[in-house]
Amino acid sequence: MLEQLTFTHEQSVDAIYIDPPYNSGARDWKYNNDYVEGDDLYRHSKWLAFMERRLKLAKRLLKPHDSILVVTIDEKEYLRLGLLLEQTFPDADIQ
């Protein structure tokens, strides 16, 4: 569904806010936060691949200048996500 937006909104979006699964293994929420099983040796790699696809799509949708991407995440994946954001948006001011 999101990929279809690139046909009509490529490089025209001012702001994107995403609240992806935190990959924390929590199962007490209505929203499934257990994207990858906690005992999976590749859980971080799988989660990063999941996020990379979405961040690349966000990059295609965002205006090349004067746009913002906001991503919420917890302490379990923020360092890995930060590296992925730097890789995907090398010229961005990441905070």
N, C-alpha and C. Protein backbone atom coordinates (compact mmCIF):
# COMPACT_ATOMS: atom_id res chain seq x y z
N MET A 1 0.82 -1.19 0.00
CA MET A 1 0.00 0.00 0.00
C MET A 1 0.87 1.26 0.00
N LEU A 2 1.82 1.34 0.93
CA LEU A 2 2.65 2.54 1.00
C LEU A 2 3.44 2.77 -0.28
N GLU A 3 3.89 1.70 -0.89
CA GLU A 3 4.68 1.85 -2.11
C GLU A 3 3.88 2.51 -3.23
N GLN A 4 2.58 2.35 -3.21
CA GLN A 4 1.74 2.98 -4.23
C GLN A 4 1.78 4.49 -4.13
N LEU A 5 2.06 5.01 -2.96
CA LEU A 5 2.15 6.46 -2.79
C LEU A 5 3.28 7.07 -3.61
N THR A 6 4.30 6.29 -3.93
CA THR A 6 5.41 6.85 -4.71
C THR A 6 4.97 7.24 -6.11
N PHE A 7 3.89 6.67 -6.60
CA PHE A 7 3.41 7.03 -7.93
C PHE A 7 2.77 8.42 -7.95
N THR A 8 2.22 8.84 -6.83
CA THR A 8 1.54 10.13 -6.79
C THR A 8 2.20 11.16 -5.88
N HIS A 9 3.06 10.72 -4.96
CA HIS A 9 3.61 11.64 -3.96
C HIS A 9 5.14 11.61 -3.86
N GLU A 10 5.81 11.05 -4.82
CA GLU A 10 7.27 10.96 -4.74
C GLU A 10 7.90 12.34 -4.60
N GLN A 11 8.76 12.47 -3.61
CA GLN A 11 9.50 13.70 -3.30
C GLN A 11 8.58 14.90 -3.08
N SER A 12 7.40 14.67 -2.51
CA SER A 12 6.48 15.78 -2.28
C SER A 12 5.92 15.84 -0.86
N VAL A 13 6.36 14.96 0.01
CA VAL A 13 5.82 14.91 1.37
C VAL A 13 6.69 15.75 2.31
N ASP A 14 6.05 16.59 3.10
CA ASP A 14 6.77 17.46 4.04
C ASP A 14 7.24 16.72 5.28
N ALA A 15 6.40 15.82 5.81
CA ALA A 15 6.72 15.17 7.08
C ALA A 15 6.15 13.76 7.11
N ILE A 16 6.92 12.86 7.72
CA ILE A 16 6.47 11.49 7.95
C ILE A 16 6.77 11.16 9.40
N TYR A 17 5.78 10.59 10.08
CA TYR A 17 5.93 10.11 11.45
C TYR A 17 5.67 8.62 11.42
N ILE A 18 6.62 7.82 11.92
CA ILE A 18 6.39 6.38 12.00
C ILE A 18 6.65 5.89 13.42
N ASP A 19 5.87 4.93 13.82
CA ASP A 19 5.98 4.30 15.13
C ASP A 19 6.06 2.79 14.89
N PRO A 20 7.23 2.31 14.45
CA PRO A 20 7.36 0.91 14.07
C PRO A 20 7.39 -0.02 15.28
N PRO A 21 7.28 -1.32 15.06
CA PRO A 21 7.47 -2.26 16.17
C PRO A 21 8.84 -2.03 16.80
N TYR A 22 8.90 -2.04 18.12
CA TYR A 22 10.14 -1.76 18.82
C TYR A 22 11.05 -2.97 18.91
N ASN A 23 10.57 -4.12 18.47
CA ASN A 23 11.35 -5.36 18.51
C ASN A 23 11.73 -5.71 19.95
N SER A 24 10.82 -5.42 20.86
CA SER A 24 11.10 -5.65 22.28
C SER A 24 10.63 -7.01 22.77
N GLY A 25 9.80 -7.66 21.99
CA GLY A 25 9.27 -8.95 22.40
C GLY A 25 8.03 -8.84 23.26
N ALA A 26 7.55 -7.62 23.50
CA ALA A 26 6.35 -7.43 24.33
C ALA A 26 5.13 -8.03 23.64
N ARG A 27 4.34 -8.73 24.41
CA ARG A 27 3.12 -9.34 23.86
C ARG A 27 1.88 -8.91 24.62
N ASP A 28 2.01 -7.97 25.53
CA ASP A 28 0.90 -7.55 26.37
C ASP A 28 0.05 -6.45 25.73
N TRP A 29 0.39 -6.01 24.55
CA TRP A 29 -0.31 -4.91 23.89
C TRP A 29 -1.23 -5.46 22.80
N LYS A 30 -2.24 -4.68 22.45
CA LYS A 30 -3.08 -5.06 21.31
C LYS A 30 -2.24 -5.03 20.04
N TYR A 31 -1.35 -4.04 19.96
CA TYR A 31 -0.45 -3.92 18.82
C TYR A 31 0.70 -4.90 19.03
N ASN A 32 0.94 -5.76 18.08
CA ASN A 32 2.00 -6.77 18.22
C ASN A 32 3.37 -6.11 18.11
N ASN A 33 4.07 -6.03 19.22
CA ASN A 33 5.40 -5.45 19.24
C ASN A 33 6.48 -6.52 19.11
N ASP A 34 6.06 -7.75 18.94
CA ASP A 34 6.99 -8.87 18.85
C ASP A 34 7.23 -9.20 17.38
N TYR A 35 7.85 -8.26 16.66
CA TYR A 35 8.05 -8.46 15.22
C TYR A 35 8.88 -9.70 14.94
N VAL A 36 9.93 -9.92 15.72
CA VAL A 36 10.81 -11.09 15.58
C VAL A 36 10.89 -11.76 16.94
N GLU A 37 10.84 -13.07 16.96
CA GLU A 37 10.90 -13.81 18.22
C GLU A 37 12.17 -13.45 19.00
N GLY A 38 12.06 -13.34 20.30
CA GLY A 38 13.17 -12.94 21.16
C GLY A 38 14.36 -13.88 21.14
N ASP A 39 14.14 -15.16 20.86
CA ASP A 39 15.25 -16.12 20.86
C ASP A 39 15.84 -16.34 19.47
N ASP A 40 15.38 -15.60 18.48
CA ASP A 40 15.90 -15.70 17.12
C ASP A 40 17.28 -15.02 17.06
N LEU A 41 18.30 -15.75 16.67
CA LEU A 41 19.66 -15.20 16.61
C LEU A 41 19.78 -14.06 15.61
N TYR A 42 18.87 -13.98 14.66
CA TYR A 42 18.92 -12.94 13.63
C TYR A 42 17.84 -11.88 13.84
N ARG A 43 17.34 -11.77 15.06
CA ARG A 43 16.21 -10.87 15.29
C ARG A 43 16.54 -9.42 14.96
N HIS A 44 17.74 -8.97 15.28
CA HIS A 44 18.10 -7.58 14.98
C HIS A 44 18.27 -7.39 13.48
N SER A 45 18.88 -8.35 12.81
CA SER A 45 19.06 -8.26 11.35
C SER A 45 17.72 -8.25 10.64
N LYS A 46 16.81 -9.10 11.07
CA LYS A 46 15.49 -9.16 10.44
C LYS A 46 14.72 -7.86 10.68
N TRP A 47 14.83 -7.34 11.89
CA TRP A 47 14.15 -6.09 12.20
C TRP A 47 14.74 -4.94 11.38
N LEU A 48 16.06 -4.91 11.25
CA LEU A 48 16.70 -3.86 10.46
C LEU A 48 16.30 -3.95 8.99
N ALA A 49 16.19 -5.16 8.45
CA ALA A 49 15.75 -5.32 7.06
C ALA A 49 14.32 -4.82 6.91
N PHE A 50 13.48 -5.13 7.88
CA PHE A 50 12.10 -4.64 7.91
C PHE A 50 12.08 -3.11 7.89
N MET A 51 12.91 -2.49 8.74
CA MET A 51 12.96 -1.04 8.83
C MET A 51 13.59 -0.41 7.59
N GLU A 52 14.61 -1.04 7.05
CA GLU A 52 15.30 -0.48 5.89
C GLU A 52 14.34 -0.29 4.71
N ARG A 53 13.50 -1.27 4.47
CA ARG A 53 12.53 -1.15 3.37
C ARG A 53 11.63 0.05 3.58
N ARG A 54 11.19 0.26 4.79
CA ARG A 54 10.29 1.37 5.08
C ARG A 54 11.00 2.72 5.04
N LEU A 55 12.23 2.76 5.50
CA LEU A 55 12.98 4.02 5.46
C LEU A 55 13.32 4.42 4.03
N LYS A 56 13.64 3.46 3.20
CA LYS A 56 13.92 3.77 1.79
C LYS A 56 12.66 4.30 1.10
N LEU A 57 11.53 3.75 1.44
CA LEU A 57 10.27 4.24 0.91
C LEU A 57 9.99 5.66 1.41
N ALA A 58 10.23 5.89 2.69
CA ALA A 58 10.06 7.23 3.25
C ALA A 58 10.96 8.23 2.54
N LYS A 59 12.18 7.83 2.26
CA LYS A 59 13.12 8.73 1.56
C LYS A 59 12.60 9.10 0.18
N ARG A 60 11.99 8.14 -0.51
CA ARG A 60 11.42 8.42 -1.84
C ARG A 60 10.25 9.39 -1.75
N LEU A 61 9.51 9.33 -0.67
CA LEU A 61 8.33 10.18 -0.52
C LEU A 61 8.66 11.59 -0.03
N LEU A 62 9.66 11.71 0.82
CA LEU A 62 10.00 13.01 1.40
C LEU A 62 10.58 13.96 0.36
N LYS A 63 10.28 15.25 0.55
CA LYS A 63 10.91 16.27 -0.28
C LYS A 63 12.42 16.20 -0.04
N PRO A 64 13.22 16.43 -1.08
CA PRO A 64 14.68 16.35 -0.91
C PRO A 64 15.24 17.37 0.08
N HIS A 65 14.55 18.50 0.25
CA HIS A 65 15.01 19.55 1.16
C HIS A 65 13.84 20.00 2.03
N ASP A 66 14.14 20.41 3.23
CA ASP A 66 13.14 20.97 4.15
C ASP A 66 12.00 20.02 4.45
N SER A 67 12.31 18.76 4.67
CA SER A 67 11.31 17.79 5.10
C SER A 67 11.81 17.12 6.38
N ILE A 68 10.93 16.41 7.05
CA ILE A 68 11.30 15.79 8.32
C ILE A 68 10.73 14.38 8.42
N LEU A 69 11.54 13.51 9.00
CA LEU A 69 11.12 12.15 9.32
C LEU A 69 11.27 11.98 10.82
N VAL A 70 10.20 11.59 11.48
CA VAL A 70 10.21 11.35 12.93
C VAL A 70 9.95 9.87 13.14
N VAL A 71 10.83 9.22 13.89
CA VAL A 71 10.69 7.79 14.18
C VAL A 71 10.75 7.61 15.69
N THR A 72 9.74 6.97 16.25
CA THR A 72 9.78 6.66 17.68
C THR A 72 10.35 5.26 17.86
N ILE A 73 11.15 5.11 18.89
CA ILE A 73 11.79 3.81 19.16
C ILE A 73 12.20 3.80 20.63
N ASP A 74 12.43 2.62 21.18
CA ASP A 74 12.88 2.55 22.57
C ASP A 74 14.38 2.26 22.63
N GLU A 75 14.86 2.02 23.84
CA GLU A 75 16.31 1.87 24.04
C GLU A 75 16.87 0.57 23.48
N LYS A 76 16.04 -0.39 23.15
CA LYS A 76 16.55 -1.68 22.67
C LYS A 76 17.10 -1.62 21.24
N GLU A 77 16.55 -0.76 20.42
CA GLU A 77 16.96 -0.71 19.01
C GLU A 77 17.43 0.67 18.54
N TYR A 78 17.45 1.66 19.43
CA TYR A 78 17.73 3.00 18.94
C TYR A 78 19.13 3.16 18.34
N LEU A 79 20.12 2.46 18.87
CA LEU A 79 21.47 2.58 18.30
C LEU A 79 21.53 1.97 16.90
N ARG A 80 20.94 0.80 16.74
CA ARG A 80 20.92 0.16 15.41
C ARG A 80 20.11 1.00 14.44
N LEU A 81 18.97 1.51 14.90
CA LEU A 81 18.15 2.35 14.04
C LEU A 81 18.90 3.62 13.65
N GLY A 82 19.63 4.19 14.59
CA GLY A 82 20.42 5.40 14.30
C GLY A 82 21.43 5.16 13.19
N LEU A 83 22.11 4.03 13.24
CA LEU A 83 23.07 3.70 12.18
C LEU A 83 22.37 3.52 10.84
N LEU A 84 21.21 2.88 10.85
CA LEU A 84 20.45 2.69 9.62
C LEU A 84 19.96 4.03 9.07
N LEU A 85 19.54 4.92 9.94
CA LEU A 85 19.12 6.25 9.49
C LEU A 85 20.29 7.02 8.88
N GLU A 86 21.46 6.94 9.50
CA GLU A 86 22.64 7.61 8.94
C GLU A 86 23.00 7.04 7.58
N GLN A 87 22.86 5.75 7.42
CA GLN A 87 23.16 5.10 6.14
C GLN A 87 22.14 5.49 5.07
N THR A 88 20.87 5.54 5.44
CA THR A 88 19.80 5.82 4.49
C THR A 88 19.72 7.30 4.15
N PHE A 89 19.99 8.16 5.12
CA PHE A 89 19.91 9.61 4.94
C PHE A 89 21.27 10.23 5.28
N PRO A 90 22.30 10.01 4.46
CA PRO A 90 23.65 10.44 4.81
C PRO A 90 23.82 11.96 4.96
N ASP A 91 22.99 12.75 4.30
CA ASP A 91 23.13 14.20 4.36
C ASP A 91 22.19 14.84 5.38
N ALA A 92 21.45 14.04 6.11
CA ALA A 92 20.45 14.57 7.04
C ALA A 92 21.06 14.96 8.37
N ASP A 93 20.38 15.85 9.05
CA ASP A 93 20.73 16.24 10.42
C ASP A 93 19.94 15.33 11.34
N ILE A 94 20.57 14.27 11.83
CA ILE A 94 19.88 13.27 12.64
C ILE A 94 20.04 13.61 14.12
N GLN A 95 18.92 13.68 14.82
CA GLN A 95 18.94 14.03 16.25
C GLN A 95 18.23 12.99 17.05
